[in-house]
Amino acid sequence: MNKELMKGAASFISRSDKGEKISVAECETYLNSIPSFTDKHTMKDTVDFLEFLGNPDQNMKIIHVAGTNGKGSVCSYLSSILMKAGYSVGMFTSPHLVKVNERFCIDGKMISDGVFTEVFVETLKRVVEYDHKDYFPTYFEFLFFVSMILYDVYPVDYLILETGLGGRLDATNSVSNPLLTVITEIGYDHMQYLGESIAEIAGEKAGIIKPWVPVVFFDKQKESTEVIKQKALELDSRAIVVERKNIQNVSTVQEDEGNKYIAFSYISLYDKYVDLKLNTEARYQAENAALAVTAAEILKNEGADISELDIREGLISAKWEARMEEIRPGIYVDGAHNVDGIEAFIDSAANIPSSGRKLLMFGIVGDKQYKEIIDKLLVCGEFDSIFVAVLETNRSVSVSDLKSAFEECKEEHGIIGLPIKYYSNVRDAITDIITVRKSGDTVFAAGSLYLAGQIKSML
């Protein structure tokens, strides 16, 4: 496999040196041929290659973010706050919805195709030059190294790094000295890699905590809180806790002009903020915003010039795709893909008024707790009809398995009269749901970021 990857790398490099134009689509095809996992790599391998790149992270002011749910949202809110304060901000997140460039942002905008292909080829050159023990980065490692080269060539005042999977062994954890670490809500996801208990999963996420570097985290479950506090204590890191009880008066507001937003108050460790606003109808985003506010306060204590107005304006101007995002009037997509995320999605959907039916489109990949998620969606009673689709990825659950899971759940709970239709692809499902939709009906889509991305690329 590495020989084929090296051969492909040589071709890209040769074409680039000749001045040929390389498309992002070609880069994505190549990236998709890179294995996502390998037993051969260790964290030392990642650290060694980062050192070969010249340890660019050591010249960056990095905020490192891990967690099960809400990582991307926290990154987006904090980035927006810092930009309102006048700083240039880089952001490396995952996954992307439609285009790989989305993973790399500078000042809230994804990098251009030209910049991406430039840095992509430069990363290939460095891998070829390294030529060490048949080493080739995994898919996520490669993209992380792209980010390191990108923000070295195009420097920013602050760089926000989101972990891909876990924390302790994540490629992003090779950075040596972040300014701050943030851990969002801990829940059950990727258990085959991170552990079967909340404590085990929290232990992996807490692996990003560095000696003497403060960590901001959400106190939502006793098991995860104890693990994070203990890890911080071992490393002499100050642990700053964000508590749900300090997030108050969460409400969904629609102005006369039609603008919709979430309003809430937050009592932080340092201040009290009344009537904060978020440009979303996802009530769960109040928790992620609170984490970002506290992180901004810590950065302020470290010397950043951030005002309360920067925080307020940063929150209301931030927008994170596929988190109860209204992509067309009355059509919402949400990337919720685990049990905790689905529960938050259901709560938000319940608080979005609809004068007609609530129609749900659902699709999910096989390595998620899809039977438990389906159970939540059926039992909640929020949806009048469900449209179930197979995703355009080999990780998708099949039509037969989806149908079995829905039928078993309906039988178990005695649910009758709920229309459920099944589709072999997303396009047929979204076409049908739009066709049968009547005036006043509200459409929701949830279950996977793959689903959200595929819908957004079609509508």
Protein backbone atom coordinates (compact mmCIF):
# COMPACT_ATOMS: atom_id res chain seq x y z
CA MET A 1 0.00 0.00 0.00
CA ASN A 2 2.78 2.46 0.92
CA LYS A 3 4.50 1.82 -2.41
CA GLU A 4 1.33 2.79 -4.25
CA LEU A 5 0.91 5.86 -2.07
CA MET A 6 4.51 6.90 -2.71
CA LYS A 7 4.02 6.38 -6.44
CA GLY A 8 0.94 8.60 -6.35
CA ALA A 9 2.82 11.19 -4.28
CA ALA A 10 5.63 11.26 -6.85
CA SER A 11 3.09 11.88 -9.61
CA PHE A 12 1.50 14.82 -7.78
CA ILE A 13 4.91 16.33 -7.01
CA SER A 14 6.07 15.95 -10.63
CA ARG A 15 2.92 17.56 -11.99
CA SER A 16 3.17 20.42 -9.51
CA ASP A 17 6.82 21.04 -10.37
CA LYS A 18 5.82 21.27 -14.05
CA GLY A 19 3.21 23.88 -13.21
CA GLU A 20 0.23 21.65 -13.92
CA LYS A 21 -3.02 22.50 -12.17
CA ILE A 22 -4.11 19.96 -9.57
CA SER A 23 -7.75 19.83 -8.52
CA VAL A 24 -9.08 19.35 -5.00
CA ALA A 25 -11.13 16.41 -6.31
CA GLU A 26 -7.90 14.64 -7.34
CA CYS A 27 -6.42 15.32 -3.91
CA GLU A 28 -9.53 13.92 -2.22
CA THR A 29 -9.41 10.76 -4.33
CA TYR A 30 -5.81 10.26 -3.27
CA LEU A 31 -6.61 11.01 0.38
CA ASN A 32 -9.42 8.46 0.35
CA SER A 33 -6.89 5.79 -0.67
CA ILE A 34 -4.87 6.40 2.50
CA PRO A 35 -5.78 3.96 5.32
CA SER A 36 -7.58 5.50 8.27
CA PHE A 37 -5.82 3.28 10.79
CA THR A 38 -2.61 1.31 11.06
CA ASP A 39 -1.14 -0.86 13.80
CA LYS A 40 2.36 0.20 12.81
CA HIS A 41 2.23 3.82 13.98
CA THR A 42 2.82 5.08 17.50
CA MET A 43 2.53 8.57 18.95
CA LYS A 44 6.33 8.72 18.78
CA ASP A 45 6.12 8.28 15.00
CA THR A 46 3.81 11.29 14.80
CA VAL A 47 6.04 13.34 17.09
CA ASP A 48 9.11 12.36 15.08
CA PHE A 49 7.57 13.45 11.79
CA LEU A 50 6.38 16.71 13.34
CA GLU A 51 9.98 17.26 14.47
CA PHE A 52 11.12 16.54 10.89
CA LEU A 53 8.79 19.36 9.79
CA GLY A 54 10.67 21.64 12.19
CA ASN A 55 8.20 21.53 15.09
CA PRO A 56 6.10 24.38 13.65
CA ASP A 57 3.64 23.99 16.53
CA GLN A 58 6.19 25.47 18.92
CA ASN A 59 5.76 28.86 17.26
CA MET A 60 1.97 28.75 17.44
CA LYS A 61 -0.52 29.77 20.13
CA ILE A 62 -2.66 26.64 20.18
CA ILE A 63 -5.99 25.90 21.84
CA HIS A 64 -6.51 22.12 21.80
CA VAL A 65 -10.10 20.80 21.92
CA ALA A 66 -11.27 17.22 22.60
CA GLY A 67 -14.57 15.60 23.63
CA THR A 68 -17.41 13.45 22.33
CA ASN A 69 -19.98 16.06 21.31
CA GLY A 70 -19.66 19.76 20.59
CA LYS A 71 -15.96 20.03 19.70
CA GLY A 72 -16.51 21.76 16.37
CA SER A 73 -19.08 24.13 17.82
CA VAL A 74 -16.77 25.18 20.65
CA CYS A 75 -13.99 25.74 18.12
CA SER A 76 -16.30 27.90 15.99
CA TYR A 77 -17.57 30.01 18.89
CA LEU A 78 -14.08 30.59 20.29
CA SER A 79 -12.72 31.41 16.84
CA SER A 80 -15.47 33.97 16.31
CA ILE A 81 -14.83 35.59 19.71
CA LEU A 82 -11.11 35.90 18.99
CA MET A 83 -11.79 37.36 15.54
CA LYS A 84 -14.13 39.97 17.04
CA ALA A 85 -11.27 40.86 19.38
CA GLY A 86 -9.14 41.62 16.32
CA TYR A 87 -7.01 38.48 16.14
CA SER A 88 -6.34 36.28 13.12
CA VAL A 89 -7.45 32.73 13.86
CA GLY A 90 -6.75 29.37 12.26
CA MET A 91 -8.99 26.38 12.86
CA PHE A 92 -8.40 22.70 12.05
CA THR A 93 -11.54 20.59 12.49
CA SER A 94 -13.06 17.34 11.26
CA PRO A 95 -14.85 15.83 9.51
CA HIS A 96 -15.80 17.90 6.48
CA LEU A 97 -19.33 17.87 5.12
CA VAL A 98 -18.84 18.44 1.41
CA LYS A 99 -15.26 19.48 0.67
CA VAL A 100 -11.97 18.70 2.41
CA ASN A 101 -11.00 22.40 2.46
CA GLU A 102 -13.64 22.89 5.17
CA ARG A 103 -11.26 21.35 7.69
CA PHE A 104 -8.85 24.27 7.36
CA CYS A 105 -10.11 27.77 8.15
CA ILE A 106 -8.43 31.13 8.45
CA ASP A 107 -10.51 33.91 9.98
CA GLY A 108 -13.71 31.90 9.67
CA LYS A 109 -13.35 31.01 5.99
CA MET A 110 -12.17 27.72 4.55
CA ILE A 111 -8.93 27.98 2.61
CA SER A 112 -9.07 28.30 -1.17
CA ASP A 113 -8.58 25.40 -3.56
CA GLY A 114 -5.25 26.88 -4.61
CA VAL A 115 -3.91 27.14 -1.07
CA PHE A 116 -5.10 23.64 -0.24
CA THR A 117 -3.46 21.98 -3.24
CA GLU A 118 -0.28 23.98 -2.62
CA VAL A 119 0.02 22.75 0.97
CA PHE A 120 -1.20 19.26 0.06
CA VAL A 121 1.67 18.84 -2.42
CA GLU A 122 4.15 20.34 0.04
CA THR A 123 3.06 17.76 2.63
CA LEU A 124 3.59 14.96 0.10
CA LYS A 125 7.07 16.32 -0.62
CA ARG A 126 7.95 16.22 3.07
CA VAL A 127 6.65 12.65 3.43
CA VAL A 128 8.74 11.53 0.45
CA GLU A 129 11.81 13.36 1.82
CA TYR A 130 11.34 11.73 5.23
CA ASP A 131 11.70 8.21 3.78
CA HIS A 132 11.92 6.60 7.22
CA LYS A 133 11.10 2.92 7.83
CA ASP A 134 8.43 2.84 5.13
CA TYR A 135 6.49 5.48 7.08
CA PHE A 136 3.36 6.98 5.57
CA PRO A 137 0.83 8.93 7.67
CA THR A 138 -2.73 7.68 8.08
CA TYR A 139 -5.58 9.73 6.58
CA PHE A 140 -6.09 11.95 9.63
CA GLU A 141 -2.37 12.20 10.42
CA PHE A 142 -1.74 13.44 6.89
CA LEU A 143 -4.41 16.13 7.21
CA PHE A 144 -3.01 17.16 10.58
CA PHE A 145 0.43 17.58 9.00
CA VAL A 146 -1.21 19.61 6.22
CA SER A 147 -2.54 21.91 8.96
CA MET A 148 0.87 22.26 10.57
CA ILE A 149 2.49 23.24 7.28
CA LEU A 150 -0.45 25.49 6.36
CA TYR A 151 -0.36 27.56 9.54
CA ASP A 152 3.43 27.71 9.39
CA VAL A 153 3.32 29.16 5.86
CA TYR A 154 0.24 31.28 6.60
CA PRO A 155 0.67 32.16 10.30
CA VAL A 156 -2.20 33.23 12.55
CA ASP A 157 -2.38 34.75 16.03
CA TYR A 158 -4.23 31.74 17.45
CA LEU A 159 -4.70 28.21 16.15
CA ILE A 160 -7.62 26.09 17.37
CA LEU A 161 -7.01 22.34 16.93
CA GLU A 162 -9.81 19.81 17.20
CA THR A 163 -8.93 16.19 17.90
CA GLY A 164 -10.07 13.59 15.40
CA LEU A 165 -10.65 10.54 17.60
CA GLY A 166 -10.01 10.35 21.33
CA GLY A 167 -7.17 12.53 22.53
CA ARG A 168 -4.31 10.64 24.15
CA LEU A 169 -3.25 8.92 20.91
CA ASP A 170 -4.68 11.48 18.50
CA ALA A 171 -2.28 12.96 15.95
CA THR A 172 -3.07 16.47 17.21
CA ASN A 173 -1.77 15.47 20.63
CA SER A 174 1.76 15.56 19.24
CA VAL A 175 1.75 19.34 19.79
CA SER A 176 3.95 20.00 22.77
CA ASN A 177 2.82 23.17 24.50
CA PRO A 178 -0.72 24.47 23.87
CA LEU A 179 -1.90 27.62 25.62
CA LEU A 180 -5.11 25.95 26.72
CA THR A 181 -6.96 22.65 26.46
CA VAL A 182 -10.75 22.28 26.32
CA ILE A 183 -12.77 19.09 26.84
CA THR A 184 -16.41 19.10 25.78
CA GLU A 185 -19.20 16.70 26.76
CA ILE A 186 -18.09 13.07 27.21
CA GLY A 187 -20.43 10.37 25.92
CA TYR A 188 -20.55 6.92 24.37
CA ASP A 189 -18.97 6.93 20.92
CA HIS A 190 -16.14 5.04 19.22
CA MET A 191 -16.14 2.57 22.11
CA GLN A 192 -14.20 0.02 20.05
CA TYR A 193 -11.23 2.40 20.24
CA LEU A 194 -11.78 4.43 23.41
CA GLY A 195 -13.29 2.02 25.94
CA GLU A 196 -16.68 0.78 27.08
CA SER A 197 -17.20 3.05 30.09
CA ILE A 198 -17.51 6.82 30.47
CA ALA A 199 -14.44 6.77 32.72
CA GLU A 200 -12.36 4.97 30.08
CA ILE A 201 -13.50 7.32 27.32
CA ALA A 202 -12.84 10.34 29.55
CA GLY A 203 -9.36 9.00 30.24
CA GLU A 204 -8.60 8.99 26.50
CA LYS A 205 -10.00 12.51 26.03
CA ALA A 206 -8.11 13.78 29.09
CA GLY A 207 -4.91 12.63 27.39
CA ILE A 208 -4.66 16.08 25.78
CA ILE A 209 -4.06 17.73 29.18
CA LYS A 210 -0.48 18.98 29.39
CA PRO A 211 1.64 19.86 32.46
CA TRP A 212 0.82 23.32 33.83
CA VAL A 213 -1.57 24.06 30.94
CA PRO A 214 -5.11 24.99 32.13
CA VAL A 215 -8.01 22.78 31.03
CA VAL A 216 -11.62 23.93 30.66
CA PHE A 217 -14.21 21.16 30.71
CA PHE A 218 -17.92 20.53 31.06
CA ASP A 219 -19.10 18.89 34.27
CA LYS A 220 -21.94 16.74 32.96
CA GLN A 221 -21.22 13.28 34.35
CA LYS A 222 -19.60 12.40 37.64
CA GLU A 223 -17.44 9.63 36.13
CA SER A 224 -15.84 11.86 33.49
CA THR A 225 -15.43 14.82 35.85
CA GLU A 226 -13.48 12.73 38.35
CA VAL A 227 -11.16 11.39 35.66
CA ILE A 228 -10.44 14.83 34.19
CA LYS A 229 -9.87 16.44 37.59
CA GLN A 230 -7.51 13.64 38.61
CA LYS A 231 -5.51 13.93 35.40
CA ALA A 232 -5.25 17.70 35.80
CA LEU A 233 -4.10 17.24 39.41
CA GLU A 234 -1.37 14.80 38.34
CA LEU A 235 -0.05 17.30 35.80
CA ASP A 236 -0.36 20.43 37.95
CA SER A 237 -2.88 21.77 35.47
CA ARG A 238 -5.57 24.15 36.60
CA ALA A 239 -9.01 22.62 35.98
CA ILE A 240 -11.79 25.13 35.21
CA VAL A 241 -15.24 23.57 35.39
CA VAL A 242 -18.27 24.71 33.40
CA GLU A 243 -21.48 23.57 35.08
CA ARG A 244 -24.93 23.14 33.58
CA LYS A 245 -26.56 24.93 36.55
CA ASN A 246 -24.76 28.13 35.55
CA ILE A 247 -26.44 28.14 32.13
CA GLN A 248 -29.86 29.68 32.75
CA ASN A 249 -32.98 30.92 30.99
CA VAL A 250 -32.35 29.11 27.71
CA SER A 251 -35.07 30.05 25.23
CA THR A 252 -35.77 29.97 21.51
CA VAL A 253 -36.64 33.41 20.16
CA GLN A 254 -38.07 34.51 16.82
CA GLU A 255 -37.96 38.24 16.10
CA ASP A 256 -40.64 40.06 14.13
CA GLU A 257 -38.24 40.19 11.17
CA GLY A 258 -38.12 36.38 11.20
CA ASN A 259 -34.64 35.99 12.70
CA LYS A 260 -34.39 32.96 15.00
CA TYR A 261 -31.87 32.52 17.79
CA ILE A 262 -31.16 31.01 21.19
CA ALA A 263 -30.95 33.35 24.18
CA PHE A 264 -29.48 32.41 27.56
CA SER A 265 -27.60 33.67 30.60
CA TYR A 266 -24.30 32.29 31.85
CA ILE A 267 -22.60 32.68 35.22
CA SER A 268 -18.94 31.93 34.63
CA LEU A 269 -16.09 31.65 37.08
CA TYR A 270 -15.26 35.29 36.37
CA ASP A 271 -18.43 37.12 35.35
CA LYS A 272 -22.16 36.96 34.73
CA TYR A 273 -23.46 37.31 31.19
CA VAL A 274 -27.14 38.10 30.68
CA ASP A 275 -29.03 37.69 27.41
CA LEU A 276 -26.30 36.09 25.33
CA LYS A 277 -27.50 35.16 21.86
CA LEU A 278 -26.60 32.39 19.42
CA ASN A 279 -27.43 32.30 15.73
CA THR A 280 -29.05 28.86 15.96
CA GLU A 281 -32.17 27.06 17.15
CA ALA A 282 -30.15 24.24 18.74
CA ARG A 283 -30.67 24.64 22.47
CA TYR A 284 -27.71 22.36 23.23
CA GLN A 285 -25.39 25.00 21.76
CA ALA A 286 -25.74 27.08 24.93
CA GLU A 287 -23.48 24.55 26.66
CA ASN A 288 -20.86 24.70 23.92
CA ALA A 289 -21.00 28.49 23.91
CA ALA A 290 -20.45 28.53 27.68
CA LEU A 291 -17.28 26.48 27.21
CA ALA A 292 -16.07 28.93 24.57
CA VAL A 293 -16.82 31.93 26.80
CA THR A 294 -14.84 30.42 29.69
CA ALA A 295 -11.97 29.52 27.34
CA ALA A 296 -11.94 33.13 26.11
CA GLU A 297 -11.78 34.35 29.70
CA ILE A 298 -8.76 32.11 30.37
CA LEU A 299 -7.04 33.45 27.25
CA LYS A 300 -7.81 36.97 28.48
CA ASN A 301 -6.07 36.15 31.74
CA GLU A 302 -3.11 34.93 29.66
CA GLY A 303 -2.85 38.30 27.93
CA ALA A 304 -5.41 38.31 25.12
CA ASP A 305 -7.29 41.58 24.71
CA ILE A 306 -10.89 40.30 24.76
CA SER A 307 -13.84 42.39 25.93
CA GLU A 308 -17.36 41.39 26.93
CA LEU A 309 -18.58 42.99 23.70
CA ASP A 310 -16.19 40.75 21.74
CA ILE A 311 -17.71 37.74 23.48
CA ARG A 312 -21.28 38.82 22.81
CA GLU A 313 -20.70 39.72 19.17
CA GLY A 314 -18.50 36.69 18.62
CA LEU A 315 -21.23 34.32 19.80
CA ILE A 316 -24.08 35.82 17.78
CA SER A 317 -22.00 36.02 14.58
CA ALA A 318 -20.70 32.44 14.77
CA LYS A 319 -22.30 29.78 12.64
CA TRP A 320 -21.41 26.09 12.63
CA GLU A 321 -22.85 24.00 9.84
CA ALA A 322 -25.06 20.94 10.34
CA ARG A 323 -25.94 21.72 13.95
CA MET A 324 -29.70 22.22 13.71
CA GLU A 325 -28.91 24.27 10.62
CA GLU A 326 -31.87 25.58 8.65
CA ILE A 327 -30.59 25.05 5.11
CA ARG A 328 -33.93 26.04 3.56
CA PRO A 329 -37.03 27.46 5.23
CA GLY A 330 -38.39 24.69 7.43
CA ILE A 331 -35.64 22.18 6.56
CA TYR A 332 -33.08 21.46 9.30
CA VAL A 333 -30.00 19.23 9.21
CA ASP A 334 -28.20 18.12 12.35
CA GLY A 335 -25.06 15.99 12.56
CA ALA A 336 -26.11 14.17 15.75
CA HIS A 337 -24.72 10.63 15.46
CA ASN A 338 -24.56 9.16 18.96
CA VAL A 339 -27.06 8.66 21.78
CA ASP A 340 -26.26 11.88 23.66
CA GLY A 341 -26.25 13.88 20.45
CA ILE A 342 -29.62 12.45 19.37
CA GLU A 343 -31.14 13.28 22.76
CA ALA A 344 -29.97 16.89 22.36
CA PHE A 345 -31.30 16.93 18.79
CA ILE A 346 -34.71 15.68 19.93
CA ASP A 347 -34.87 18.36 22.63
CA SER A 348 -34.09 21.08 20.08
CA ALA A 349 -36.55 19.68 17.52
CA ALA A 350 -39.27 19.64 20.19
CA ASN A 351 -38.73 23.35 20.80
CA ILE A 352 -38.94 24.36 17.15
CA PRO A 353 -42.59 25.24 16.45
CA SER A 354 -44.32 23.71 13.43
CA SER A 355 -47.84 24.41 12.22
CA GLY A 356 -47.85 21.10 10.34
CA ARG A 357 -46.19 17.72 10.61
CA LYS A 358 -42.62 17.05 11.69
CA LEU A 359 -40.91 14.78 9.16
CA LEU A 360 -37.61 13.08 9.97
CA MET A 361 -34.97 11.86 7.54
CA PHE A 362 -32.52 9.39 9.08
CA GLY A 363 -29.31 7.66 8.03
CA ILE A 364 -26.42 6.29 10.05
CA VAL A 365 -23.14 4.38 9.84
CA GLY A 366 -22.74 0.89 11.23
CA ASP A 367 -20.16 1.56 13.94
CA LYS A 368 -22.60 3.72 15.93
CA GLN A 369 -25.16 2.58 18.51
CA TYR A 370 -27.81 2.78 15.84
CA LYS A 371 -30.35 0.52 17.56
CA GLU A 372 -30.27 2.65 20.72
CA ILE A 373 -30.49 5.81 18.61
CA ILE A 374 -33.48 4.47 16.66
CA ASP A 375 -35.13 3.62 19.99
CA LYS A 376 -34.75 7.23 21.14
CA LEU A 377 -36.19 8.60 17.90
CA LEU A 378 -39.24 6.36 17.97
CA VAL A 379 -40.05 6.60 21.66
CA CYS A 380 -39.81 10.41 21.79
CA GLY A 381 -43.00 10.73 19.71
CA GLU A 382 -41.83 13.97 18.09
CA PHE A 383 -42.00 12.87 14.46
CA ASP A 384 -45.06 12.16 12.35
CA SER A 385 -43.26 10.28 9.60
CA ILE A 386 -39.72 8.91 9.13
CA PHE A 387 -37.74 8.53 5.91
CA VAL A 388 -34.78 6.17 6.31
CA ALA A 389 -31.90 6.23 3.79
CA VAL A 390 -28.69 4.32 3.11
CA LEU A 391 -25.74 6.72 3.07
CA GLU A 392 -23.26 7.02 0.23
CA THR A 393 -20.44 5.39 2.17
CA ASN A 394 -19.45 1.78 2.67
CA ARG A 395 -19.83 2.39 6.41
CA SER A 396 -23.61 2.87 6.12
CA VAL A 397 -26.10 0.51 7.71
CA SER A 398 -27.96 -1.45 5.01
CA VAL A 399 -31.65 -1.09 4.23
CA SER A 400 -32.42 -4.54 5.63
CA ASP A 401 -30.60 -3.88 8.92
CA LEU A 402 -32.23 -0.47 9.28
CA LYS A 403 -35.66 -1.93 8.64
CA SER A 404 -35.09 -4.73 11.15
CA ALA A 405 -33.97 -2.26 13.82
CA PHE A 406 -36.99 0.02 13.29
CA GLU A 407 -39.48 -2.85 13.20
CA GLU A 408 -38.03 -4.48 16.34
CA CYS A 409 -38.22 -1.19 18.19
CA LYS A 410 -41.80 -0.51 17.08
CA GLU A 411 -42.83 -3.98 18.24
CA GLU A 412 -41.02 -3.66 21.56
CA HIS A 413 -42.75 -0.38 22.42
CA GLY A 414 -46.09 -1.16 20.81
CA ILE A 415 -45.78 1.71 18.34
CA ILE A 416 -48.40 1.57 15.59
CA GLY A 417 -49.49 3.94 12.86
CA LEU A 418 -46.10 5.68 12.43
CA PRO A 419 -45.26 5.75 8.69
CA ILE A 420 -41.66 4.71 7.96
CA LYS A 421 -40.27 4.52 4.41
CA TYR A 422 -36.90 3.09 3.37
CA TYR A 423 -34.60 4.18 0.54
CA SER A 424 -31.43 2.79 -1.00
CA ASN A 425 -29.89 6.26 -1.29
CA VAL A 426 -30.15 9.78 0.11
CA ARG A 427 -31.20 11.46 -3.14
CA ASP A 428 -34.38 9.39 -3.49
CA ALA A 429 -35.25 9.99 0.15
CA ILE A 430 -34.80 13.76 0.06
CA THR A 431 -36.68 13.98 -3.25
CA ASP A 432 -39.62 12.06 -1.77
CA ILE A 433 -39.70 13.98 1.49
CA ILE A 434 -39.78 17.31 -0.36
CA THR A 435 -42.50 15.99 -2.69
CA VAL A 436 -44.83 14.87 0.12
CA ARG A 437 -44.12 17.88 2.31
CA LYS A 438 -47.14 20.14 2.77
CA SER A 439 -47.40 23.77 3.76
CA GLY A 440 -46.49 24.12 7.44
CA ASP A 441 -44.55 20.84 7.63
CA THR A 442 -41.03 20.94 9.11
CA VAL A 443 -38.31 18.59 7.90
CA PHE A 444 -35.44 17.38 10.10
CA ALA A 445 -32.45 15.24 9.14
CA ALA A 446 -30.18 13.56 11.69
CA GLY A 447 -28.08 10.46 12.36
CA SER A 448 -24.81 11.24 10.62
CA LEU A 449 -22.60 14.05 9.39
CA TYR A 450 -22.40 12.04 6.16
CA LEU A 451 -26.16 12.49 5.82
CA ALA A 452 -25.95 16.20 6.58
CA GLY A 453 -23.17 16.68 4.03
CA GLN A 454 -24.94 14.71 1.33
CA ILE A 455 -28.17 16.67 1.80
CA LYS A 456 -26.33 20.00 1.79
CA SER A 457 -24.62 19.07 -1.48
CA MET A 458 -28.02 18.32 -3.06
CA LEU A 459 -30.11 21.26 -1.83
